[in-house]
């Protein structure tokens, strides 16, 4: 006995194959999204936002060391978070900044290593309960 072959079903499958190929190619073409251009220097969007989360029991004063000069950003009270803004024009083409945190009422200081930034970067400083365990990250 010979098996029955449904020729109309086979023809439909052959016709559907190119359609699936075109659909797959179109989806792959749409999957690439170029990254947006960096913010233009001299605009507010180019400035760097520094977020300081103080988990320490003491209040702290925060500085940014830019090209060897410390710029005071402000004070963050214990168990609070504060945001500061650095003008990209002060940072300049080197894009390297380090953060300095001084514990108020103590000689404790945290100094981050230099982080490389670009216009519009965000910096997060987490002040740990033990100051030496604090961290700095740049995005």
C-alpha atoms as a PDB file:
ATOM      1  CA  UNK A   1       0.000   0.000   0.000  1.00  0.00           C
ATOM      2  CA  UNK A   2       1.400   3.415  -0.909  1.00  0.00           C
ATOM      3  CA  UNK A   3       1.227   6.320   1.541  1.00  0.00           C
ATOM      4  CA  UNK A   4      -1.075   9.140   0.661  1.00  0.00           C
ATOM      5  CA  UNK A   5       0.644  12.451  -0.060  1.00  0.00           C
ATOM      6  CA  UNK A   6      -1.292  15.642   0.194  1.00  0.00           C
ATOM      7  CA  UNK A   7       0.238  17.682  -2.666  1.00  0.00           C
ATOM      8  CA  UNK A   8      -1.652  20.883  -1.817  1.00  0.00           C
ATOM      9  CA  UNK A   9      -0.164  20.909   1.712  1.00  0.00           C
ATOM     10  CA  UNK A  10       3.372  20.446   0.352  1.00  0.00           C
ATOM     11  CA  UNK A  11       2.909  23.323  -2.106  1.00  0.00           C
ATOM     12  CA  UNK A  12       1.715  25.611   0.691  1.00  0.00           C
ATOM     13  CA  UNK A  13       4.771  24.769   2.777  1.00  0.00           C
ATOM     14  CA  UNK A  14       7.060  25.548  -0.180  1.00  0.00           C
ATOM     15  CA  UNK A  15       5.337  28.909  -0.736  1.00  0.00           C
ATOM     16  CA  UNK A  16       5.468  29.829   2.984  1.00  0.00           C
ATOM     17  CA  UNK A  17       9.232  29.277   3.258  1.00  0.00           C
ATOM     18  CA  UNK A  18      10.272  32.464   1.370  1.00  0.00           C
ATOM     19  CA  UNK A  19       7.723  34.469   3.386  1.00  0.00           C
ATOM     20  CA  UNK A  20       9.254  33.247   6.644  1.00  0.00           C
ATOM     21  CA  UNK A  21      12.726  34.095   5.354  1.00  0.00           C
ATOM     22  CA  UNK A  22      11.701  37.650   4.463  1.00  0.00           C
ATOM     23  CA  UNK A  23      10.016  38.091   7.855  1.00  0.00           C
ATOM     24  CA  UNK A  24      13.129  36.858   9.696  1.00  0.00           C
ATOM     25  CA  UNK A  25      15.382  39.198   7.701  1.00  0.00           C
ATOM     26  CA  UNK A  26      13.099  42.149   8.451  1.00  0.00           C
ATOM     27  CA  UNK A  27      13.119  41.399  12.182  1.00  0.00           C
ATOM     28  CA  UNK A  28      16.909  41.095  12.234  1.00  0.00           C
ATOM     29  CA  UNK A  29      17.229  44.406  10.410  1.00  0.00           C
ATOM     30  CA  UNK A  30      15.077  46.129  13.024  1.00  0.00           C
ATOM     31  CA  UNK A  31      16.939  44.696  16.007  1.00  0.00           C
ATOM     32  CA  UNK A  32      19.936  47.048  15.715  1.00  0.00           C
ATOM     33  CA  UNK A  33      19.363  50.309  17.564  1.00  0.00           C
ATOM     34  CA  UNK A  34      22.338  52.650  17.391  1.00  0.00           C
ATOM     35  CA  UNK A  35      23.258  54.278  20.686  1.00  0.00           C
ATOM     36  CA  UNK A  36      22.265  57.925  20.988  1.00  0.00           C
ATOM     37  CA  UNK A  37      25.004  60.503  20.450  1.00  0.00           C
ATOM     38  CA  UNK A  38      26.702  61.843  23.585  1.00  0.00           C
ATOM     39  CA  UNK A  39      25.337  65.127  24.981  1.00  0.00           C
ATOM     40  CA  UNK A  40      26.850  68.252  23.495  1.00  0.00           C
ATOM     41  CA  UNK A  41      29.447  69.850  25.749  1.00  0.00           C
ATOM     42  CA  UNK A  42      28.414  73.200  27.185  1.00  0.00           C
ATOM     43  CA  UNK A  43      24.843  72.018  27.736  1.00  0.00           C
ATOM     44  CA  UNK A  44      23.217  70.954  30.999  1.00  0.00           C
ATOM     45  CA  UNK A  45      22.841  67.411  29.616  1.00  0.00           C
ATOM     46  CA  UNK A  46      26.647  67.120  29.466  1.00  0.00           C
ATOM     47  CA  UNK A  47      27.054  67.794  33.188  1.00  0.00           C
ATOM     48  CA  UNK A  48      27.922  64.885  35.461  1.00  0.00           C
ATOM     49  CA  UNK A  49      25.467  63.894  38.201  1.00  0.00           C
ATOM     50  CA  UNK A  50      27.063  62.665  41.437  1.00  0.00           C
ATOM     51  CA  UNK A  51      24.793  60.710  43.789  1.00  0.00           C
ATOM     52  CA  UNK A  52      26.100  60.189  47.325  1.00  0.00           C
ATOM     53  CA  UNK A  53      24.392  57.616  49.538  1.00  0.00           C
ATOM     54  CA  UNK A  54      25.614  58.032  53.117  1.00  0.00           C
ATOM     55  CA  UNK A  55      25.216  54.805  55.122  1.00  0.00           C
ATOM     56  CA  UNK A  56      27.653  56.075  57.749  1.00  0.00           C
ATOM     57  CA  UNK A  57      26.571  57.219  61.229  1.00  0.00           C
ATOM     58  CA  UNK A  58      28.369  60.537  60.690  1.00  0.00           C
ATOM     59  CA  UNK A  59      27.593  63.402  58.352  1.00  0.00           C
ATOM     60  CA  UNK A  60      30.121  63.772  55.517  1.00  0.00           C
ATOM     61  CA  UNK A  61      31.435  66.504  53.257  1.00  0.00           C
ATOM     62  CA  UNK A  62      31.945  65.494  49.627  1.00  0.00           C
ATOM     63  CA  UNK A  63      34.556  66.860  47.222  1.00  0.00           C
ATOM     64  CA  UNK A  64      35.427  66.139  43.610  1.00  0.00           C
ATOM     65  CA  UNK A  65      39.142  66.195  42.792  1.00  0.00           C
ATOM     66  CA  UNK A  66      39.309  67.578  39.260  1.00  0.00           C
ATOM     67  CA  UNK A  67      42.735  67.977  37.672  1.00  0.00           C
ATOM     68  CA  UNK A  68      44.370  68.136  41.104  1.00  0.00           C
ATOM     69  CA  UNK A  69      41.970  70.732  42.561  1.00  0.00           C
ATOM     70  CA  UNK A  70      39.288  69.839  45.060  1.00  0.00           C
ATOM     71  CA  UNK A  71      35.837  71.262  44.438  1.00  0.00           C
ATOM     72  CA  UNK A  72      33.434  71.074  47.360  1.00  0.00           C
ATOM     73  CA  UNK A  73      30.133  69.524  46.319  1.00  0.00           C
ATOM     74  CA  UNK A  74      28.307  69.657  49.641  1.00  0.00           C
ATOM     75  CA  UNK A  75      27.331  67.854  52.826  1.00  0.00           C
ATOM     76  CA  UNK A  76      25.320  64.648  53.155  1.00  0.00           C
ATOM     77  CA  UNK A  77      23.776  63.898  56.525  1.00  0.00           C
ATOM     78  CA  UNK A  78      23.894  60.432  58.047  1.00  0.00           C
ATOM     79  CA  UNK A  79      21.608  57.837  56.429  1.00  0.00           C
ATOM     80  CA  UNK A  80      20.624  60.222  53.610  1.00  0.00           C
ATOM     81  CA  UNK A  81      21.191  60.472  49.859  1.00  0.00           C
ATOM     82  CA  UNK A  82      22.070  63.669  47.988  1.00  0.00           C
ATOM     83  CA  UNK A  83      22.664  64.569  44.340  1.00  0.00           C
ATOM     84  CA  UNK A  84      25.240  67.047  43.091  1.00  0.00           C
ATOM     85  CA  UNK A  85      26.111  68.269  39.620  1.00  0.00           C
ATOM     86  CA  UNK A  86      29.567  68.787  38.126  1.00  0.00           C
ATOM     87  CA  UNK A  87      29.928  71.147  35.180  1.00  0.00           C
ATOM     88  CA  UNK A  88      31.531  69.179  32.345  1.00  0.00           C
ATOM     89  CA  UNK A  89      33.457  72.325  31.352  1.00  0.00           C
ATOM     90  CA  UNK A  90      35.440  72.094  34.620  1.00  0.00           C
ATOM     91  CA  UNK A  91      36.305  68.444  34.042  1.00  0.00           C
ATOM     92  CA  UNK A  92      37.694  68.974  30.567  1.00  0.00           C
ATOM     93  CA  UNK A  93      38.987  66.562  27.955  1.00  0.00           C
ATOM     94  CA  UNK A  94      40.852  64.286  30.382  1.00  0.00           C
ATOM     95  CA  UNK A  95      37.514  63.247  31.879  1.00  0.00           C
ATOM     96  CA  UNK A  96      39.247  62.012  35.048  1.00  0.00           C
ATOM     97  CA  UNK A  97      37.801  62.779  38.476  1.00  0.00           C
ATOM     98  CA  UNK A  98      38.274  61.257  41.910  1.00  0.00           C
ATOM     99  CA  UNK A  99      35.901  61.606  44.830  1.00  0.00           C
ATOM    100  CA  UNK A 100      36.901  62.599  48.366  1.00  0.00           C
ATOM    101  CA  UNK A 101      34.626  62.105  51.386  1.00  0.00           C
ATOM    102  CA  UNK A 102      35.518  63.658  54.773  1.00  0.00           C
ATOM    103  CA  UNK A 103      33.770  62.479  57.907  1.00  0.00           C
ATOM    104  CA  UNK A 104      32.581  65.496  59.911  1.00  0.00           C
ATOM    105  CA  UNK A 105      33.872  65.475  63.499  1.00  0.00           C
ATOM    106  CA  UNK A 106      36.600  62.970  62.710  1.00  0.00           C
ATOM    107  CA  UNK A 107      39.780  62.706  60.687  1.00  0.00           C
ATOM    108  CA  UNK A 108      38.325  59.861  58.573  1.00  0.00           C
ATOM    109  CA  UNK A 109      38.664  60.328  54.805  1.00  0.00           C
ATOM    110  CA  UNK A 110      37.744  58.187  51.817  1.00  0.00           C
ATOM    111  CA  UNK A 111      39.488  58.814  48.496  1.00  0.00           C
ATOM    112  CA  UNK A 112      38.367  56.981  45.397  1.00  0.00           C
ATOM    113  CA  UNK A 113      40.685  56.178  42.572  1.00  0.00           C
ATOM    114  CA  UNK A 114      40.326  58.296  39.455  1.00  0.00           C
ATOM    115  CA  UNK A 115      37.267  57.452  37.381  1.00  0.00           C
ATOM    116  CA  UNK A 116      37.078  58.298  33.696  1.00  0.00           C
ATOM    117  CA  UNK A 117      33.927  60.132  32.721  1.00  0.00           C
ATOM    118  CA  UNK A 118      32.301  61.375  29.550  1.00  0.00           C
ATOM    119  CA  UNK A 119      29.670  64.074  29.081  1.00  0.00           C
ATOM    120  CA  UNK A 120      26.424  63.079  30.792  1.00  0.00           C
ATOM    121  CA  UNK A 121      27.996  60.420  33.039  1.00  0.00           C
ATOM    122  CA  UNK A 122      26.593  59.491  36.418  1.00  0.00           C
ATOM    123  CA  UNK A 123      28.752  58.806  39.468  1.00  0.00           C
ATOM    124  CA  UNK A 124      27.527  56.957  42.543  1.00  0.00           C
ATOM    125  CA  UNK A 125      29.422  57.171  45.836  1.00  0.00           C
ATOM    126  CA  UNK A 126      28.272  54.851  48.582  1.00  0.00           C
ATOM    127  CA  UNK A 127      29.665  55.916  51.952  1.00  0.00           C
ATOM    128  CA  UNK A 128      29.904  52.720  54.014  1.00  0.00           C
ATOM    129  CA  UNK A 129      29.451  52.435  57.796  1.00  0.00           C
ATOM    130  CA  UNK A 130      33.203  51.800  57.879  1.00  0.00           C
ATOM    131  CA  UNK A 131      34.539  54.656  55.752  1.00  0.00           C
ATOM    132  CA  UNK A 132      37.377  52.621  54.221  1.00  0.00           C
ATOM    133  CA  UNK A 133      34.800  50.251  52.684  1.00  0.00           C
ATOM    134  CA  UNK A 134      33.131  53.017  50.670  1.00  0.00           C
ATOM    135  CA  UNK A 135      32.803  52.632  46.887  1.00  0.00           C
ATOM    136  CA  UNK A 136      32.596  54.820  43.788  1.00  0.00           C
ATOM    137  CA  UNK A 137      31.120  53.751  40.469  1.00  0.00           C
ATOM    138  CA  UNK A 138      30.748  55.632  37.197  1.00  0.00           C
ATOM    139  CA  UNK A 139      28.184  54.933  34.508  1.00  0.00           C
END
